[in-house]
Amino acid sequence: MEVPRYWAYVEGQPDELMDPSVYWRSSSVSFVDAQEKAVEAFKRVQRYFSEDEEDIDGYPYGVLPREKLLEELTDKNGHCYAFVSRNSVGARILNVENVLFLDWDNPREKQPGPISRLCRWFGRFFGDRRLREFDETFHGDGEDWLAGNGVLRPVQEFQKNNRDWSIRIYQTVAGYRGLVTHRTFDPLDSEVHRIMEETACDPMYRQLCRIQKSFRARLTPKGTRLGLWPLPLPWTFRFRFPTPPDDAKAQREYDRAVELYEIEQENFATCRYLGTLGDDEIAEAVVPVVEFHDRATRIDSDLPLA
């Protein structure tokens, strides 16, 4: 698992038609290692524009997302089995070494239009939280959460054919989340990604798991769902970490955005536990991840989802 403990950058102009750019890379090991990765990233982009290299991964250039490390979760031997980072829209993300999370978007989710989005944004200043709540009418509820649920049908069929699997299912504001509990998994195992594909797991999520060599789950709402900023979020507003070198203003803006976000996200939950496909078996190594995830996402609260 790649833990972004150290960050370094190089500045360069990979092609004469491009403006100079800053290339950031992270490392679990050291600043020197991060610096070497940044240099290699710049050289790789140079090769791309010189047509010596055709295949550059699409997330972008196959690199880890630029996310600030907030917390490391370690076992009794000091080994880091998970960490929490902050993504580009402010949310805290749980990154796990070997506990399999699955992610499904709900295609029937009622998406707000431009006027509704603008009203939600202004709603923050007038204190009307109803303007910022997402419509949850398309999601399962109570004991009927599997009835007629097309989104979960692939994973339901998979579990029927693999009775030893235990999969906790959660409702999110935009779909569903699965947490596999009966054993641990290797995120680079091709069989894992075959199962992700068979259960119709989100393609971008599968790609990021391969790149980061871990599994991910969002612990807190996206900042764009809290009414803090209008949608779509301008790139310059995103939680870009690290901030541009020697740019004190950018750092102040980042810190202020985090402060606003942390105050507002307290009013929302991220997911709700619906039930388990299969037995309720939870492997010993998975227990701390389930407990941390459920507590951080506020699955037992009555707060609206975001």
Protein backbone atom coordinates (compact mmCIF):
# COMPACT_ATOMS: atom_id res chain seq x y z
CA MET A 1 0.00 0.00 0.00
CA GLU A 2 1.29 3.43 -0.96
CA VAL A 3 1.08 5.83 2.00
CA PRO A 4 1.69 9.51 1.00
CA ARG A 5 3.98 10.40 3.91
CA TYR A 6 6.46 12.44 1.87
CA TRP A 7 5.91 14.82 -1.05
CA ALA A 8 8.34 16.39 -3.52
CA TYR A 9 8.13 18.16 -6.86
CA VAL A 10 10.08 19.24 -9.91
CA GLU A 11 9.32 22.13 -12.24
CA GLY A 12 9.75 21.74 -15.94
CA GLN A 13 8.49 22.26 -19.48
CA PRO A 14 8.07 18.83 -21.09
CA ASP A 15 7.22 20.26 -24.50
CA GLU A 16 7.95 23.60 -26.13
CA LEU A 17 4.24 24.14 -26.77
CA MET A 18 3.39 23.70 -23.07
CA ASP A 19 3.75 26.13 -20.20
CA PRO A 20 6.13 25.15 -17.39
CA SER A 21 4.43 22.87 -14.87
CA VAL A 22 5.00 21.47 -11.39
CA TYR A 23 5.08 17.69 -11.04
CA TRP A 24 4.31 16.37 -7.55
CA ARG A 25 4.88 12.80 -6.40
CA SER A 26 4.60 11.09 -3.03
CA SER A 27 6.43 8.30 -1.26
CA SER A 28 5.88 5.98 1.67
CA VAL A 29 9.62 5.79 2.26
CA SER A 30 11.39 9.15 2.11
CA PHE A 31 11.55 12.64 0.63
CA VAL A 32 14.42 11.50 -1.61
CA ASP A 33 12.28 8.70 -3.02
CA ALA A 34 9.44 11.16 -3.67
CA GLN A 35 11.90 13.48 -5.44
CA GLU A 36 13.14 10.64 -7.66
CA LYS A 37 9.55 9.75 -8.56
CA ALA A 38 8.82 13.39 -9.45
CA VAL A 39 11.84 13.52 -11.75
CA GLU A 40 10.82 10.27 -13.42
CA ALA A 41 7.26 11.57 -13.86
CA PHE A 42 8.57 14.65 -15.67
CA LYS A 43 10.81 12.52 -17.89
CA ARG A 44 7.92 10.21 -18.67
CA VAL A 45 5.76 13.10 -19.82
CA GLN A 46 8.67 14.29 -21.96
CA ARG A 47 8.83 10.84 -23.57
CA TYR A 48 5.10 10.93 -24.15
CA PHE A 49 5.30 14.20 -26.09
CA SER A 50 8.31 12.97 -28.04
CA GLU A 51 6.18 9.95 -29.07
CA ASP A 52 8.60 7.50 -27.48
CA GLU A 53 5.97 6.33 -25.02
CA GLU A 54 2.37 5.76 -26.03
CA ASP A 55 0.78 4.21 -22.96
CA ILE A 56 0.26 6.53 -20.01
CA ASP A 57 -2.41 5.50 -17.55
CA GLY A 58 -5.48 7.66 -17.41
CA TYR A 59 -5.63 8.57 -13.72
CA PRO A 60 -3.68 11.02 -14.60
CA TYR A 61 -0.46 9.40 -15.83
CA GLY A 62 -1.05 6.48 -13.46
CA VAL A 63 -0.11 8.41 -10.31
CA LEU A 64 -1.62 8.54 -6.87
CA PRO A 65 -4.15 11.31 -6.22
CA ARG A 66 -2.75 14.37 -4.47
CA GLU A 67 -4.29 13.82 -1.05
CA LYS A 68 -3.07 14.98 2.34
CA LEU A 69 -2.30 12.25 4.87
CA LEU A 70 -4.43 12.87 7.97
CA GLU A 71 -4.07 9.73 10.07
CA GLU A 72 -2.41 6.30 10.03
CA LEU A 73 -4.04 3.24 11.58
CA THR A 74 -1.49 0.76 12.91
CA ASP A 75 -1.61 -2.66 14.54
CA LYS A 76 0.12 -3.67 17.79
CA ASN A 77 3.37 -4.18 15.86
CA GLY A 78 3.31 -0.67 14.40
CA HIS A 79 2.36 -1.84 10.90
CA CYS A 80 0.14 0.60 9.00
CA TYR A 81 -2.89 -1.33 7.72
CA ALA A 82 -4.93 1.75 6.76
CA PHE A 83 -4.72 5.51 6.57
CA VAL A 84 -7.07 8.47 6.20
CA SER A 85 -6.48 11.14 3.55
CA ARG A 86 -8.36 14.22 2.33
CA ASN A 87 -9.41 14.14 -1.33
CA SER A 88 -9.82 16.96 -3.86
CA VAL A 89 -13.36 17.85 -2.71
CA GLY A 90 -12.54 17.88 0.99
CA ALA A 91 -13.81 14.44 1.99
CA ARG A 92 -11.85 12.17 4.31
CA ILE A 93 -10.99 8.89 2.60
CA LEU A 94 -10.24 5.56 4.28
CA ASN A 95 -7.46 3.74 2.41
CA VAL A 96 -7.08 0.10 3.46
CA GLU A 97 -4.31 -2.37 2.75
CA ASN A 98 -6.33 -5.59 2.45
CA VAL A 99 -10.01 -5.13 3.33
CA LEU A 100 -12.15 -5.21 0.20
CA PHE A 101 -14.60 -2.35 -0.33
CA LEU A 102 -16.99 -2.35 -3.29
CA ASP A 103 -18.70 0.68 -4.78
CA TRP A 104 -21.83 1.00 -6.92
CA ASP A 105 -23.41 4.17 -8.29
CA ASN A 106 -27.17 4.35 -8.53
CA PRO A 107 -28.05 5.30 -12.14
CA ARG A 108 -31.57 6.21 -11.06
CA GLU A 109 -30.44 8.82 -8.56
CA LYS A 110 -32.31 12.08 -9.02
CA GLN A 111 -29.63 14.60 -9.91
CA PRO A 112 -30.32 18.27 -9.07
CA GLY A 113 -30.46 20.70 -11.99
CA PRO A 114 -28.47 23.96 -12.26
CA ILE A 115 -31.13 26.06 -10.49
CA SER A 116 -31.49 23.51 -7.68
CA ARG A 117 -27.71 23.36 -7.21
CA LEU A 118 -27.51 27.16 -7.04
CA CYS A 119 -30.34 27.24 -4.47
CA ARG A 120 -28.53 24.68 -2.32
CA TRP A 121 -25.40 26.79 -2.42
CA PHE A 122 -27.28 29.97 -1.38
CA GLY A 123 -29.18 27.89 1.15
CA ARG A 124 -26.08 27.66 3.29
CA PHE A 125 -26.17 31.39 3.93
CA PHE A 126 -29.86 31.36 4.84
CA GLY A 127 -29.68 28.30 7.04
CA ASP A 128 -32.15 26.21 5.01
CA ARG A 129 -30.66 22.72 5.09
CA ARG A 130 -33.57 21.29 3.15
CA LEU A 131 -32.11 22.92 0.04
CA ARG A 132 -28.98 20.82 0.43
CA GLU A 133 -30.49 17.41 1.10
CA PHE A 134 -30.33 14.91 -1.73
CA ASP A 135 -33.42 12.99 -2.77
CA GLU A 136 -33.20 9.48 -1.29
CA THR A 137 -36.45 8.06 -2.64
CA PHE A 138 -34.71 5.72 -5.07
CA HIS A 139 -32.78 3.86 -2.39
CA GLY A 140 -33.88 0.73 -0.56
CA ASP A 141 -35.29 1.07 2.92
CA GLY A 142 -35.73 -1.28 5.89
CA GLU A 143 -36.29 -4.96 5.14
CA ASP A 144 -37.08 -4.28 1.47
CA TRP A 145 -33.66 -2.93 0.57
CA LEU A 146 -32.98 -5.80 -1.86
CA ALA A 147 -36.45 -6.00 -3.38
CA GLY A 148 -36.27 -5.04 -7.05
CA ASN A 149 -32.85 -3.46 -6.58
CA GLY A 150 -31.14 -3.64 -9.97
CA VAL A 151 -27.95 -1.98 -8.74
CA LEU A 152 -27.28 -4.69 -6.17
CA ARG A 153 -28.51 -7.61 -8.26
CA PRO A 154 -25.02 -8.54 -9.62
CA VAL A 155 -23.46 -8.73 -6.14
CA GLN A 156 -26.51 -10.55 -4.80
CA GLU A 157 -26.18 -13.18 -7.54
CA PHE A 158 -22.45 -13.41 -6.89
CA GLN A 159 -22.98 -14.10 -3.19
CA LYS A 160 -25.58 -16.77 -3.96
CA ASN A 161 -22.94 -18.57 -6.00
CA ASN A 162 -20.26 -17.99 -3.34
CA ARG A 163 -21.98 -18.83 -0.07
CA ASP A 164 -18.83 -18.44 2.00
CA TRP A 165 -18.73 -14.70 1.25
CA SER A 166 -19.98 -12.16 3.80
CA ILE A 167 -20.69 -8.70 2.35
CA ARG A 168 -22.00 -5.82 4.45
CA ILE A 169 -24.15 -3.47 2.33
CA TYR A 170 -24.46 0.24 3.00
CA GLN A 171 -26.63 2.93 1.41
CA THR A 172 -24.84 6.08 0.26
CA VAL A 173 -26.35 9.24 -1.15
CA ALA A 174 -25.46 8.21 -4.71
CA GLY A 175 -25.69 4.42 -4.54
CA TYR A 176 -24.34 1.62 -2.39
CA ARG A 177 -21.16 0.36 -0.76
CA GLY A 178 -20.05 -3.16 0.02
CA LEU A 179 -17.59 -4.23 2.71
CA VAL A 180 -16.38 -7.84 2.45
CA THR A 181 -15.69 -9.20 5.92
CA HIS A 182 -15.02 -12.96 5.85
CA ARG A 183 -11.33 -12.60 4.89
CA THR A 184 -8.72 -10.16 3.58
CA PHE A 185 -7.69 -9.57 -0.04
CA ASP A 186 -4.74 -8.37 -2.12
CA PRO A 187 -5.71 -5.26 -4.15
CA LEU A 188 -3.32 -6.33 -6.93
CA ASP A 189 -4.79 -9.82 -7.26
CA SER A 190 -6.34 -10.21 -10.72
CA GLU A 191 -9.07 -12.38 -9.19
CA VAL A 192 -10.15 -9.46 -7.00
CA HIS A 193 -10.59 -7.23 -10.04
CA ARG A 194 -12.44 -9.98 -11.90
CA ILE A 195 -14.86 -10.13 -8.96
CA MET A 196 -15.19 -6.33 -8.97
CA GLU A 197 -16.08 -6.48 -12.64
CA GLU A 198 -18.50 -9.38 -12.15
CA THR A 199 -20.33 -7.46 -9.41
CA ALA A 200 -20.49 -4.34 -11.64
CA CYS A 201 -18.29 -2.28 -9.32
CA ASP A 202 -17.50 1.28 -10.43
CA PRO A 203 -14.70 1.18 -13.12
CA MET A 204 -12.88 4.28 -11.85
CA TYR A 205 -12.80 2.82 -8.36
CA ARG A 206 -11.28 -0.42 -9.70
CA GLN A 207 -8.60 1.54 -11.52
CA LEU A 208 -7.67 3.60 -8.49
CA CYS A 209 -7.37 0.47 -6.32
CA ARG A 210 -4.76 -0.90 -8.72
CA ILE A 211 -2.81 2.36 -8.82
CA GLN A 212 -2.81 2.95 -5.08
CA LYS A 213 -2.43 -0.75 -4.19
CA SER A 214 -5.22 -0.48 -1.64
CA PHE A 215 -9.00 -0.28 -1.27
CA ARG A 216 -10.86 2.98 -0.57
CA ALA A 217 -14.05 4.24 1.07
CA ARG A 218 -15.27 7.79 1.61
CA LEU A 219 -15.78 8.57 5.31
CA THR A 220 -17.26 12.07 5.10
CA PRO A 221 -19.38 13.95 2.51
CA LYS A 222 -17.99 15.57 -0.60
CA GLY A 223 -17.63 19.29 -0.02
CA THR A 224 -19.72 19.98 -3.13
CA ARG A 225 -22.70 18.30 -1.43
CA LEU A 226 -22.61 20.52 1.64
CA GLY A 227 -23.62 23.79 -0.01
CA LEU A 228 -20.17 25.27 0.59
CA TRP A 229 -19.29 25.77 -3.07
CA PRO A 230 -21.33 25.84 -6.28
CA LEU A 231 -21.28 22.94 -8.72
CA PRO A 232 -19.38 22.09 -10.75
CA LEU A 233 -16.49 22.94 -8.47
CA PRO A 234 -13.89 25.08 -10.29
CA TRP A 235 -10.48 23.43 -10.42
CA THR A 236 -8.95 26.36 -8.56
CA PHE A 237 -11.33 25.72 -5.63
CA ARG A 238 -10.35 22.09 -5.19
CA PHE A 239 -8.46 20.83 -2.15
CA ARG A 240 -5.17 20.54 -4.03
CA PHE A 241 -2.41 19.15 -1.87
CA PRO A 242 0.38 19.98 -1.58
CA THR A 243 -0.39 23.61 -2.26
CA PRO A 244 1.78 25.38 -4.88
CA PRO A 245 5.35 25.89 -3.57
CA ASP A 246 6.06 29.23 -1.90
CA ASP A 247 2.41 30.28 -2.19
CA ALA A 248 1.29 31.41 1.26
CA LYS A 249 -2.06 32.61 -0.07
CA ALA A 250 -2.88 29.17 -1.48
CA GLN A 251 -2.03 27.58 1.86
CA ARG A 252 -4.28 30.02 3.74
CA GLU A 253 -7.12 29.31 1.31
CA TYR A 254 -6.63 25.57 1.76
CA ASP A 255 -6.67 25.88 5.56
CA ARG A 256 -9.78 28.06 5.47
CA ALA A 257 -11.58 25.64 3.16
CA VAL A 258 -10.76 22.78 5.52
CA GLU A 259 -12.06 24.78 8.49
CA LEU A 260 -15.37 25.52 6.73
CA TYR A 261 -15.71 21.96 5.54
CA GLU A 262 -15.11 20.36 8.94
CA ILE A 263 -17.77 22.55 10.56
CA GLU A 264 -20.39 21.80 7.93
CA GLN A 265 -19.76 18.06 7.50
CA GLU A 266 -20.75 17.47 11.12
CA ASN A 267 -24.39 17.90 10.02
CA PHE A 268 -24.38 14.89 7.69
CA ALA A 269 -23.76 11.15 7.62
CA THR A 270 -22.05 9.32 4.78
CA CYS A 271 -23.80 5.96 4.69
CA ARG A 272 -26.29 3.70 6.48
CA TYR A 273 -25.95 0.00 7.13
CA LEU A 274 -28.71 -1.96 5.37
CA GLY A 275 -27.79 -5.59 6.00
CA THR A 276 -25.39 -8.39 5.13
CA LEU A 277 -25.34 -10.73 2.16
CA GLY A 278 -24.36 -14.09 3.62
CA ASP A 279 -23.39 -14.81 7.21
CA ASP A 280 -22.29 -12.05 9.58
CA GLU A 281 -18.77 -13.49 9.74
CA ILE A 282 -16.07 -10.88 10.31
CA ALA A 283 -12.44 -12.00 10.18
CA GLU A 284 -10.22 -10.85 13.04
CA ALA A 285 -8.10 -8.66 10.74
CA VAL A 286 -11.22 -6.98 9.35
CA VAL A 287 -12.86 -6.10 12.69
CA PRO A 288 -10.92 -2.84 13.36
CA VAL A 289 -11.63 -1.61 9.82
CA VAL A 290 -15.38 -2.28 10.14
CA GLU A 291 -15.50 -0.54 13.51
CA PHE A 292 -13.52 2.49 12.32
CA HIS A 293 -15.52 2.80 9.10
CA ASP A 294 -18.92 2.50 10.78
CA ARG A 295 -18.04 5.02 13.46
CA ALA A 296 -16.54 7.56 11.02
CA THR A 297 -19.42 7.37 8.55
CA ARG A 298 -22.06 7.71 11.33
CA ILE A 299 -24.11 4.74 10.16
CA ASP A 300 -26.36 4.85 13.25
CA SER A 301 -27.21 8.55 13.13
CA ASP A 302 -30.41 10.17 11.89
CA LEU A 303 -28.46 12.80 9.96
CA PRO A 304 -29.19 13.23 6.23
CA LEU A 305 -26.83 11.51 3.84
CA ALA A 306 -24.40 13.52 1.74
